Amino acid sequence: MAGRKLRVYGDADLEVELEQYFRDHKSVNYESARDLGYAGHEDEHHYREALKRRRLLVTHDGDYLNDSKFPLQETDGVLVLKRGQNLEAQTMALEKFLRWVWVPIFRDDSNYSALGHVKVELSGDGYHWWMHTTDGNVEEGYDDL
């Protein structure tokens, strides 16, 4: 489905400039915790809210990668942007990731349901990913950008 946009929920810890990047991206439908008045809420609230709204949760908070606290099977996706990079480096890595990995997978209807149950930690060099397989196991890997 060519017109489908990636639905993103931005955690309150994202910089305003990064939020603007998502708002301006032609392949993204973005709403944030700030937009909804949820800044200052606990992580559990944001995790549930992103799932309720059927959106990919984007954050800097690596705590969301803790599967015992934030179960992989109870998400429509989590993208953790590693801290420690300047905004330009973050947006360059994000653009590569969206363009070459996430958006093409997302737009392929046969893969659409697989996007839930995926967690990704993105850095300037590549991304570490975890996903639930159809047989109920967790698969993990690392790919360069």
Protein backbone atom coordinates (compact mmCIF):
# COMPACT_ATOMS: atom_id res chain seq x y z
CA MET A 1 0.00 0.00 0.00
CA ALA A 2 1.98 2.97 -1.28
CA GLY A 3 0.08 5.67 0.62
CA ARG A 4 0.51 4.15 4.08
CA LYS A 5 2.57 6.21 6.52
CA LEU A 6 4.57 4.96 9.46
CA ARG A 7 2.64 5.91 12.60
CA VAL A 8 5.03 7.24 15.25
CA TYR A 9 4.52 8.18 18.90
CA GLY A 10 7.36 10.36 20.20
CA ASP A 11 8.40 9.98 23.83
CA ALA A 12 8.69 13.23 25.81
CA ASP A 13 12.50 12.92 25.85
CA LEU A 14 12.89 13.70 22.13
CA GLU A 15 14.36 17.07 21.21
CA VAL A 16 11.98 19.57 19.58
CA GLU A 17 14.21 19.54 16.46
CA LEU A 18 13.93 15.77 16.21
CA GLU A 19 10.17 15.99 16.59
CA GLN A 20 10.12 18.50 13.73
CA TYR A 21 12.10 16.05 11.61
CA PHE A 22 9.36 13.45 12.11
CA ARG A 23 6.58 15.98 11.48
CA ASP A 24 8.19 17.01 8.18
CA HIS A 25 8.94 13.46 6.99
CA LYS A 26 6.68 12.49 4.09
CA SER A 27 6.52 8.82 5.17
CA VAL A 28 5.66 9.48 8.82
CA ASN A 29 2.45 10.33 10.67
CA TYR A 30 3.75 11.76 13.96
CA GLU A 31 2.25 12.60 17.33
CA SER A 32 4.09 13.11 20.57
CA ALA A 33 3.65 12.78 24.28
CA ARG A 34 3.91 16.58 24.43
CA ASP A 35 1.11 16.99 21.86
CA LEU A 36 -1.14 14.83 23.99
CA GLY A 37 -0.24 16.44 27.32
CA TYR A 38 1.66 13.37 28.55
CA ALA A 39 5.08 14.93 29.19
CA GLY A 40 6.19 13.89 32.68
CA HIS A 41 4.25 10.60 32.64
CA GLU A 42 5.99 7.34 33.54
CA ASP A 43 7.58 5.14 30.87
CA GLU A 44 4.87 2.50 31.34
CA HIS A 45 2.25 5.08 30.35
CA HIS A 46 4.06 5.93 27.10
CA TYR A 47 4.55 2.24 26.28
CA ARG A 48 0.83 1.54 26.73
CA GLU A 49 -0.20 4.73 24.94
CA ALA A 50 1.89 3.93 21.85
CA LEU A 51 0.37 0.43 21.76
CA LYS A 52 -3.16 1.75 22.27
CA ARG A 53 -2.65 4.19 19.38
CA ARG A 54 -0.95 1.46 17.27
CA ARG A 55 2.20 3.54 16.83
CA LEU A 56 5.92 2.93 16.84
CA LEU A 57 7.37 4.36 20.06
CA VAL A 58 10.45 6.51 19.36
CA THR A 59 12.61 7.49 22.32
CA HIS A 60 16.13 8.02 23.65
CA ASP A 61 15.32 5.89 26.72
CA GLY A 62 17.12 2.53 26.57
CA ASP A 63 14.96 1.23 29.44
CA TYR A 64 12.34 0.31 26.82
CA LEU A 65 14.69 -2.43 25.61
CA ASN A 66 14.21 -4.27 28.92
CA ASP A 67 11.92 -7.10 27.83
CA SER A 68 10.87 -8.09 31.35
CA LYS A 69 9.58 -4.58 32.04
CA PHE A 70 8.41 -3.79 28.49
CA PRO A 71 7.51 -7.13 26.82
CA LEU A 72 8.35 -7.43 23.16
CA GLN A 73 5.03 -9.09 22.36
CA GLU A 74 3.15 -6.09 23.81
CA THR A 75 4.39 -3.41 21.44
CA ASP A 76 3.75 -2.07 17.96
CA GLY A 77 7.47 -1.39 17.82
CA VAL A 78 10.11 0.54 19.74
CA LEU A 79 12.91 2.58 18.19
CA VAL A 80 15.56 3.76 20.67
CA LEU A 81 17.83 6.49 19.31
CA LYS A 82 21.15 6.23 21.13
CA ARG A 83 22.25 9.38 22.90
CA GLY A 84 25.65 10.96 22.46
CA GLN A 85 25.36 12.04 18.85
CA ASN A 86 24.66 15.53 17.62
CA LEU A 87 21.30 16.20 16.00
CA GLU A 88 22.69 16.11 12.46
CA ALA A 89 24.25 12.67 13.01
CA GLN A 90 21.02 11.40 14.57
CA THR A 91 18.84 12.58 11.71
CA MET A 92 21.27 11.18 9.11
CA ALA A 93 21.19 7.74 10.76
CA LEU A 94 17.43 7.97 11.17
CA GLU A 95 16.93 8.93 7.53
CA LYS A 96 19.04 5.99 6.34
CA PHE A 97 17.18 3.63 8.65
CA LEU A 98 13.73 4.86 7.63
CA ARG A 99 14.54 4.99 3.91
CA TRP A 100 16.38 1.69 3.56
CA VAL A 101 14.94 -0.48 6.33
CA TRP A 102 11.76 0.46 8.13
CA VAL A 103 9.59 2.21 5.53
CA PRO A 104 10.11 -0.42 2.77
CA ILE A 105 9.27 -3.20 5.23
CA PHE A 106 6.31 -1.23 6.53
CA ARG A 107 4.89 -0.61 3.06
CA ASP A 108 5.00 -4.30 2.13
CA ASP A 109 1.61 -5.62 3.27
CA SER A 110 3.01 -9.13 3.74
CA ASN A 111 5.41 -7.74 6.38
CA TYR A 112 3.09 -5.23 8.01
CA SER A 113 2.04 -7.40 10.96
CA ALA A 114 5.70 -8.26 11.65
CA LEU A 115 6.51 -4.65 12.54
CA GLY A 116 4.84 -5.02 15.91
CA HIS A 117 6.93 -7.03 18.32
CA VAL A 118 10.14 -5.38 17.08
CA LYS A 119 12.60 -3.33 19.12
CA VAL A 120 15.48 -1.46 17.53
CA GLU A 121 18.38 0.51 19.00
CA LEU A 122 19.76 2.87 16.36
CA SER A 123 23.21 4.44 16.39
CA GLY A 124 25.16 6.29 13.73
CA ASP A 125 26.84 3.08 12.58
CA GLY A 126 23.99 0.60 12.56
CA TYR A 127 21.13 -0.92 14.48
CA HIS A 128 20.62 -3.72 16.97
CA TRP A 129 17.24 -5.40 16.66
CA TRP A 130 15.04 -7.89 18.49
CA MET A 131 11.86 -9.40 17.09
CA HIS A 132 9.28 -12.00 17.94
CA THR A 133 9.17 -14.81 15.39
CA THR A 134 6.01 -16.61 14.32
CA ASP A 135 7.01 -19.62 16.45
CA GLY A 136 7.15 -17.43 19.58
CA ASN A 137 10.92 -17.15 19.88
CA VAL A 138 12.96 -13.96 19.98
CA GLU A 139 15.44 -13.37 17.19
CA GLU A 140 18.22 -10.82 17.56
CA GLY A 141 20.78 -9.27 15.26
CA TYR A 142 22.89 -6.29 14.31
CA ASP A 143 23.12 -4.65 10.89
CA ASP A 144 25.28 -1.81 9.61
CA LEU A 145 23.71 1.26 8.05
